[in-house]
Amino acid sequence: MQTSIYNHKKSFVYLWRDSLFSKYYLGYHDGKKPNYICSSKPMLTQYKVRPHHFKRRILATGTKKEMGKLEKRLLKLRYKHFGSRYYNLALSFPIYKRTEETRRKMTIAKLN
């Protein structure tokens, strides 16, 4: 896996390239896991079998809000290529701010 040098504490927008099939995956991550691959099951399946065909490029770094907006804008520009030239299958989900109550309920649900 090839990555650009970036601040691991910052959110980032990234682009994976699959050199074998000339396909891409565009995504955004909060920066908490620097070795994060993506959320696309089709791409992850391919990556696990042949990681040497994939290279990741960090397109931008910034705040979570900035990178969420940038990802959404870039995905909209590429939407017509989803499924053919991109592993992306749908536009990304909006960034939701979870309330303290929601986080508490999620923690309880995980423990049960």
N, C-alpha and C. Protein backbone atom coordinates (compact mmCIF):
# COMPACT_ATOMS: atom_id res chain seq x y z
N MET A 1 0.86 -1.18 0.00
CA MET A 1 0.00 0.00 0.00
C MET A 1 0.89 1.23 0.00
N GLN A 2 0.64 2.12 -0.88
CA GLN A 2 1.39 3.36 -0.96
C GLN A 2 0.51 4.50 -0.49
N THR A 3 1.02 5.29 0.43
CA THR A 3 0.26 6.42 0.92
C THR A 3 1.13 7.66 0.94
N SER A 4 0.48 8.78 0.87
CA SER A 4 1.18 10.04 1.02
C SER A 4 1.39 10.29 2.51
N ILE A 5 2.35 11.11 2.84
CA ILE A 5 2.57 11.48 4.24
C ILE A 5 1.52 12.51 4.62
N TYR A 6 0.85 12.27 5.73
CA TYR A 6 -0.17 13.20 6.19
C TYR A 6 -0.27 13.10 7.70
N ASN A 7 -0.91 14.07 8.29
CA ASN A 7 -1.12 14.10 9.73
C ASN A 7 -2.21 13.09 10.08
N HIS A 8 -1.87 12.05 10.84
CA HIS A 8 -2.82 10.98 11.16
C HIS A 8 -3.98 11.46 12.01
N LYS A 9 -3.90 12.63 12.59
CA LYS A 9 -4.98 13.13 13.42
C LYS A 9 -6.02 13.90 12.61
N LYS A 10 -5.69 14.21 11.37
CA LYS A 10 -6.60 14.96 10.52
C LYS A 10 -7.43 14.03 9.66
N SER A 11 -8.62 14.47 9.34
CA SER A 11 -9.46 13.74 8.39
C SER A 11 -8.85 13.90 7.00
N PHE A 12 -9.17 12.96 6.11
CA PHE A 12 -8.61 13.05 4.77
C PHE A 12 -9.55 12.45 3.73
N VAL A 13 -9.38 12.92 2.49
CA VAL A 13 -10.06 12.37 1.34
C VAL A 13 -9.00 11.63 0.55
N TYR A 14 -9.33 10.40 0.13
CA TYR A 14 -8.35 9.57 -0.54
C TYR A 14 -8.92 8.98 -1.83
N LEU A 15 -8.01 8.54 -2.69
CA LEU A 15 -8.38 7.91 -3.95
C LEU A 15 -7.53 6.65 -4.11
N TRP A 16 -8.19 5.50 -4.20
CA TRP A 16 -7.50 4.24 -4.48
C TRP A 16 -7.54 4.02 -5.99
N ARG A 17 -6.47 3.46 -6.53
CA ARG A 17 -6.44 3.07 -7.94
C ARG A 17 -6.10 1.59 -8.03
N ASP A 18 -6.91 0.86 -8.75
CA ASP A 18 -6.69 -0.55 -9.02
C ASP A 18 -6.04 -0.61 -10.40
N SER A 19 -4.74 -0.90 -10.45
CA SER A 19 -4.01 -0.87 -11.72
C SER A 19 -4.40 -2.02 -12.65
N LEU A 20 -4.89 -3.12 -12.12
CA LEU A 20 -5.26 -4.25 -12.97
C LEU A 20 -6.53 -3.96 -13.77
N PHE A 21 -7.53 -3.40 -13.14
CA PHE A 21 -8.81 -3.14 -13.80
C PHE A 21 -9.04 -1.67 -14.13
N SER A 22 -8.07 -0.81 -13.84
CA SER A 22 -8.21 0.64 -14.06
C SER A 22 -9.49 1.17 -13.43
N LYS A 23 -9.70 0.79 -12.17
CA LYS A 23 -10.86 1.27 -11.42
C LYS A 23 -10.37 2.07 -10.22
N TYR A 24 -11.27 2.87 -9.68
CA TYR A 24 -10.94 3.76 -8.58
C TYR A 24 -11.94 3.62 -7.44
N TYR A 25 -11.52 4.11 -6.29
CA TYR A 25 -12.45 4.25 -5.16
C TYR A 25 -12.11 5.56 -4.47
N LEU A 26 -13.09 6.41 -4.34
CA LEU A 26 -12.91 7.71 -3.69
C LEU A 26 -13.61 7.66 -2.34
N GLY A 27 -12.93 8.11 -1.31
CA GLY A 27 -13.54 8.08 0.01
C GLY A 27 -12.97 9.13 0.95
N TYR A 28 -13.52 9.09 2.14
CA TYR A 28 -13.14 10.03 3.19
C TYR A 28 -12.98 9.23 4.47
N HIS A 29 -12.03 9.63 5.31
CA HIS A 29 -11.84 8.96 6.60
C HIS A 29 -11.49 9.99 7.65
N ASP A 30 -11.84 9.68 8.88
CA ASP A 30 -11.62 10.64 9.98
C ASP A 30 -10.17 10.71 10.45
N GLY A 31 -9.30 9.84 9.97
CA GLY A 31 -7.89 9.90 10.31
C GLY A 31 -7.50 9.12 11.55
N LYS A 32 -8.45 8.49 12.20
CA LYS A 32 -8.15 7.76 13.44
C LYS A 32 -7.42 6.45 13.18
N LYS A 33 -7.63 5.86 12.02
CA LYS A 33 -6.95 4.62 11.65
C LYS A 33 -6.17 4.86 10.36
N PRO A 34 -4.87 5.13 10.45
CA PRO A 34 -4.10 5.46 9.25
C PRO A 34 -4.05 4.35 8.21
N ASN A 35 -4.26 3.10 8.59
CA ASN A 35 -4.22 1.99 7.64
C ASN A 35 -5.60 1.61 7.13
N TYR A 36 -6.56 2.49 7.32
CA TYR A 36 -7.93 2.26 6.85
C TYR A 36 -7.92 2.07 5.35
N ILE A 37 -8.68 1.10 4.87
CA ILE A 37 -8.74 0.84 3.43
C ILE A 37 -9.95 1.56 2.83
N CYS A 38 -11.15 1.06 3.09
CA CYS A 38 -12.36 1.69 2.58
C CYS A 38 -13.58 0.95 3.11
N SER A 39 -14.77 1.42 2.76
CA SER A 39 -16.00 0.78 3.20
C SER A 39 -16.66 -0.02 2.08
N SER A 40 -16.04 -0.08 0.92
CA SER A 40 -16.61 -0.78 -0.23
C SER A 40 -16.30 -2.27 -0.16
N LYS A 41 -17.33 -3.09 -0.01
CA LYS A 41 -17.11 -4.54 0.03
C LYS A 41 -16.52 -5.08 -1.27
N PRO A 42 -17.01 -4.63 -2.44
CA PRO A 42 -16.39 -5.12 -3.68
C PRO A 42 -14.91 -4.78 -3.78
N MET A 43 -14.53 -3.56 -3.39
CA MET A 43 -13.13 -3.20 -3.47
C MET A 43 -12.31 -3.95 -2.43
N LEU A 44 -12.82 -4.07 -1.21
CA LEU A 44 -12.10 -4.79 -0.16
C LEU A 44 -11.84 -6.24 -0.55
N THR A 45 -12.80 -6.84 -1.21
CA THR A 45 -12.64 -8.23 -1.67
C THR A 45 -11.46 -8.31 -2.63
N GLN A 46 -11.41 -7.40 -3.59
CA GLN A 46 -10.31 -7.37 -4.55
C GLN A 46 -8.97 -7.04 -3.87
N TYR A 47 -8.99 -6.08 -2.96
CA TYR A 47 -7.78 -5.65 -2.27
C TYR A 47 -7.16 -6.79 -1.47
N LYS A 48 -7.98 -7.58 -0.80
CA LYS A 48 -7.47 -8.68 0.02
C LYS A 48 -6.79 -9.75 -0.82
N VAL A 49 -7.26 -9.94 -2.04
CA VAL A 49 -6.70 -10.96 -2.93
C VAL A 49 -5.41 -10.48 -3.59
N ARG A 50 -5.36 -9.20 -3.93
CA ARG A 50 -4.22 -8.67 -4.69
C ARG A 50 -3.87 -7.24 -4.30
N PRO A 51 -3.41 -7.04 -3.08
CA PRO A 51 -3.12 -5.68 -2.60
C PRO A 51 -2.03 -4.96 -3.41
N HIS A 52 -1.18 -5.72 -4.07
CA HIS A 52 -0.10 -5.12 -4.85
C HIS A 52 -0.60 -4.35 -6.08
N HIS A 53 -1.85 -4.53 -6.46
CA HIS A 53 -2.43 -3.79 -7.59
C HIS A 53 -3.08 -2.47 -7.17
N PHE A 54 -3.07 -2.17 -5.88
CA PHE A 54 -3.75 -0.98 -5.38
C PHE A 54 -2.76 0.04 -4.82
N LYS A 55 -3.02 1.30 -5.15
CA LYS A 55 -2.25 2.40 -4.57
C LYS A 55 -3.23 3.46 -4.11
N ARG A 56 -2.94 4.01 -2.93
CA ARG A 56 -3.81 5.05 -2.38
C ARG A 56 -3.10 6.38 -2.42
N ARG A 57 -3.85 7.40 -2.79
CA ARG A 57 -3.32 8.76 -2.81
C ARG A 57 -4.22 9.61 -1.92
N ILE A 58 -3.60 10.38 -1.04
CA ILE A 58 -4.35 11.31 -0.19
C ILE A 58 -4.54 12.58 -1.00
N LEU A 59 -5.80 12.94 -1.25
CA LEU A 59 -6.09 14.12 -2.07
C LEU A 59 -6.09 15.41 -1.25
N ALA A 60 -6.55 15.31 0.00
CA ALA A 60 -6.62 16.51 0.85
C ALA A 60 -6.74 16.08 2.31
N THR A 61 -6.31 16.96 3.20
CA THR A 61 -6.49 16.76 4.63
C THR A 61 -7.15 18.00 5.21
N GLY A 62 -7.83 17.82 6.32
CA GLY A 62 -8.48 18.96 6.96
C GLY A 62 -9.40 18.51 8.07
N THR A 63 -10.35 19.34 8.41
CA THR A 63 -11.30 18.99 9.46
C THR A 63 -12.28 17.95 8.93
N LYS A 64 -12.94 17.27 9.84
CA LYS A 64 -13.92 16.26 9.47
C LYS A 64 -15.01 16.86 8.58
N LYS A 65 -15.47 18.04 8.95
CA LYS A 65 -16.53 18.71 8.19
C LYS A 65 -16.06 19.07 6.78
N GLU A 66 -14.86 19.64 6.68
CA GLU A 66 -14.32 20.03 5.37
C GLU A 66 -14.16 18.82 4.45
N MET A 67 -13.60 17.74 5.01
CA MET A 67 -13.35 16.55 4.20
C MET A 67 -14.64 15.84 3.82
N GLY A 68 -15.63 15.87 4.70
CA GLY A 68 -16.93 15.31 4.36
C GLY A 68 -17.56 16.04 3.19
N LYS A 69 -17.47 17.36 3.21
CA LYS A 69 -18.02 18.17 2.11
C LYS A 69 -17.25 17.93 0.81
N LEU A 70 -15.93 17.86 0.91
CA LEU A 70 -15.11 17.64 -0.28
C LEU A 70 -15.41 16.27 -0.89
N GLU A 71 -15.48 15.25 -0.05
CA GLU A 71 -15.79 13.91 -0.55
C GLU A 71 -17.13 13.92 -1.29
N LYS A 72 -18.13 14.51 -0.70
CA LYS A 72 -19.45 14.54 -1.32
C LYS A 72 -19.41 15.26 -2.67
N ARG A 73 -18.70 16.39 -2.73
CA ARG A 73 -18.60 17.15 -3.98
C ARG A 73 -17.88 16.33 -5.06
N LEU A 74 -16.78 15.67 -4.69
CA LEU A 74 -16.03 14.88 -5.66
C LEU A 74 -16.82 13.65 -6.11
N LEU A 75 -17.56 13.04 -5.20
CA LEU A 75 -18.38 11.89 -5.57
C LEU A 75 -19.48 12.28 -6.54
N LYS A 76 -20.09 13.43 -6.32
CA LYS A 76 -21.15 13.89 -7.23
C LYS A 76 -20.60 14.08 -8.65
N LEU A 77 -19.36 14.57 -8.76
CA LEU A 77 -18.74 14.77 -10.07
C LEU A 77 -18.48 13.44 -10.78
N ARG A 78 -18.29 12.37 -10.02
CA ARG A 78 -17.94 11.07 -10.58
C ARG A 78 -19.11 10.09 -10.62
N TYR A 79 -20.26 10.51 -10.16
CA TYR A 79 -21.41 9.61 -9.97
C TYR A 79 -21.75 8.77 -11.21
N LYS A 80 -21.67 9.36 -12.39
CA LYS A 80 -22.04 8.63 -13.62
C LYS A 80 -21.10 7.46 -13.91
N HIS A 81 -19.94 7.42 -13.26
CA HIS A 81 -18.97 6.35 -13.48
C HIS A 81 -19.03 5.26 -12.41
N PHE A 82 -19.90 5.42 -11.41
CA PHE A 82 -20.00 4.42 -10.35
C PHE A 82 -20.37 3.07 -10.95
N GLY A 83 -19.70 2.04 -10.49
CA GLY A 83 -19.98 0.69 -10.98
C GLY A 83 -19.19 0.31 -12.21
N SER A 84 -18.79 1.29 -13.03
CA SER A 84 -18.00 0.96 -14.21
C SER A 84 -16.52 1.30 -13.97
N ARG A 85 -16.22 2.55 -13.74
CA ARG A 85 -14.83 2.95 -13.49
C ARG A 85 -14.52 3.10 -12.01
N TYR A 86 -15.55 3.08 -11.17
CA TYR A 86 -15.37 3.27 -9.73
C TYR A 86 -15.98 2.10 -8.95
N TYR A 87 -15.31 1.72 -7.88
CA TYR A 87 -15.89 0.74 -6.97
C TYR A 87 -17.02 1.37 -6.15
N ASN A 88 -17.04 2.68 -6.06
CA ASN A 88 -18.13 3.36 -5.36
C ASN A 88 -19.45 2.97 -6.02
N LEU A 89 -20.44 2.66 -5.20
CA LEU A 89 -21.74 2.27 -5.72
C LEU A 89 -22.83 3.27 -5.40
N ALA A 90 -22.60 4.12 -4.41
CA ALA A 90 -23.60 5.11 -3.99
C ALA A 90 -22.89 6.34 -3.46
N LEU A 91 -23.60 7.44 -3.44
CA LEU A 91 -23.03 8.64 -2.84
C LEU A 91 -22.84 8.40 -1.35
N SER A 92 -21.85 9.04 -0.78
CA SER A 92 -21.55 8.82 0.63
C SER A 92 -22.67 9.33 1.52
N PHE A 93 -22.71 8.79 2.71
CA PHE A 93 -23.70 9.22 3.69
C PHE A 93 -23.30 10.57 4.26
N PRO A 94 -24.26 11.40 4.61
CA PRO A 94 -23.90 12.68 5.24
C PRO A 94 -23.27 12.42 6.61
N ILE A 95 -22.49 13.35 7.05
CA ILE A 95 -21.86 13.23 8.36
C ILE A 95 -22.88 13.62 9.42
N TYR A 96 -23.15 12.69 10.30
CA TYR A 96 -24.09 12.96 11.38
C TYR A 96 -23.34 13.18 12.67
N LYS A 97 -23.74 14.18 13.42
CA LYS A 97 -23.18 14.39 14.74
C LYS A 97 -24.05 13.61 15.71
N ARG A 98 -23.46 12.66 16.39
CA ARG A 98 -24.20 11.85 17.34
C ARG A 98 -24.26 12.57 18.68
N THR A 99 -25.44 12.54 19.26
CA THR A 99 -25.60 13.16 20.58
C THR A 99 -25.01 12.23 21.63
N GLU A 100 -24.78 12.77 22.79
CA GLU A 100 -24.27 11.98 23.90
C GLU A 100 -25.22 10.82 24.21
N GLU A 101 -26.52 11.07 24.13
CA GLU A 101 -27.52 10.03 24.37
C GLU A 101 -27.41 8.90 23.33
N THR A 102 -27.23 9.27 22.07
CA THR A 102 -27.10 8.27 21.01
C THR A 102 -25.85 7.44 21.22
N ARG A 103 -24.72 8.08 21.56
CA ARG A 103 -23.48 7.35 21.82
C ARG A 103 -23.65 6.39 22.99
N ARG A 104 -24.38 6.83 24.03
CA ARG A 104 -24.60 5.97 25.20
C ARG A 104 -25.41 4.74 24.80
N LYS A 105 -26.46 4.95 24.01
CA LYS A 105 -27.30 3.83 23.57
C LYS A 105 -26.50 2.86 22.68
N MET A 106 -25.65 3.39 21.82
CA MET A 106 -24.84 2.54 20.97
C MET A 106 -23.86 1.70 21.80
N THR A 107 -23.29 2.30 22.82
CA THR A 107 -22.38 1.57 23.72
C THR A 107 -23.11 0.45 24.43
N ILE A 108 -24.28 0.73 24.92
CA ILE A 108 -25.10 -0.29 25.61
C ILE A 108 -25.45 -1.43 24.65
N ALA A 109 -25.81 -1.07 23.42
CA ALA A 109 -26.19 -2.08 22.43
C ALA A 109 -24.99 -2.99 22.10
N LYS A 110 -23.79 -2.43 22.01
CA LYS A 110 -22.60 -3.23 21.72
C LYS A 110 -22.29 -4.17 22.87
N LEU A 111 -22.53 -3.74 24.10
CA LEU A 111 -22.23 -4.56 25.26
C LEU A 111 -23.21 -5.72 25.40
N ASN A 112 -24.43 -5.55 24.91
CA ASN A 112 -25.44 -6.62 25.02
C ASN A 112 -25.28 -7.59 23.95
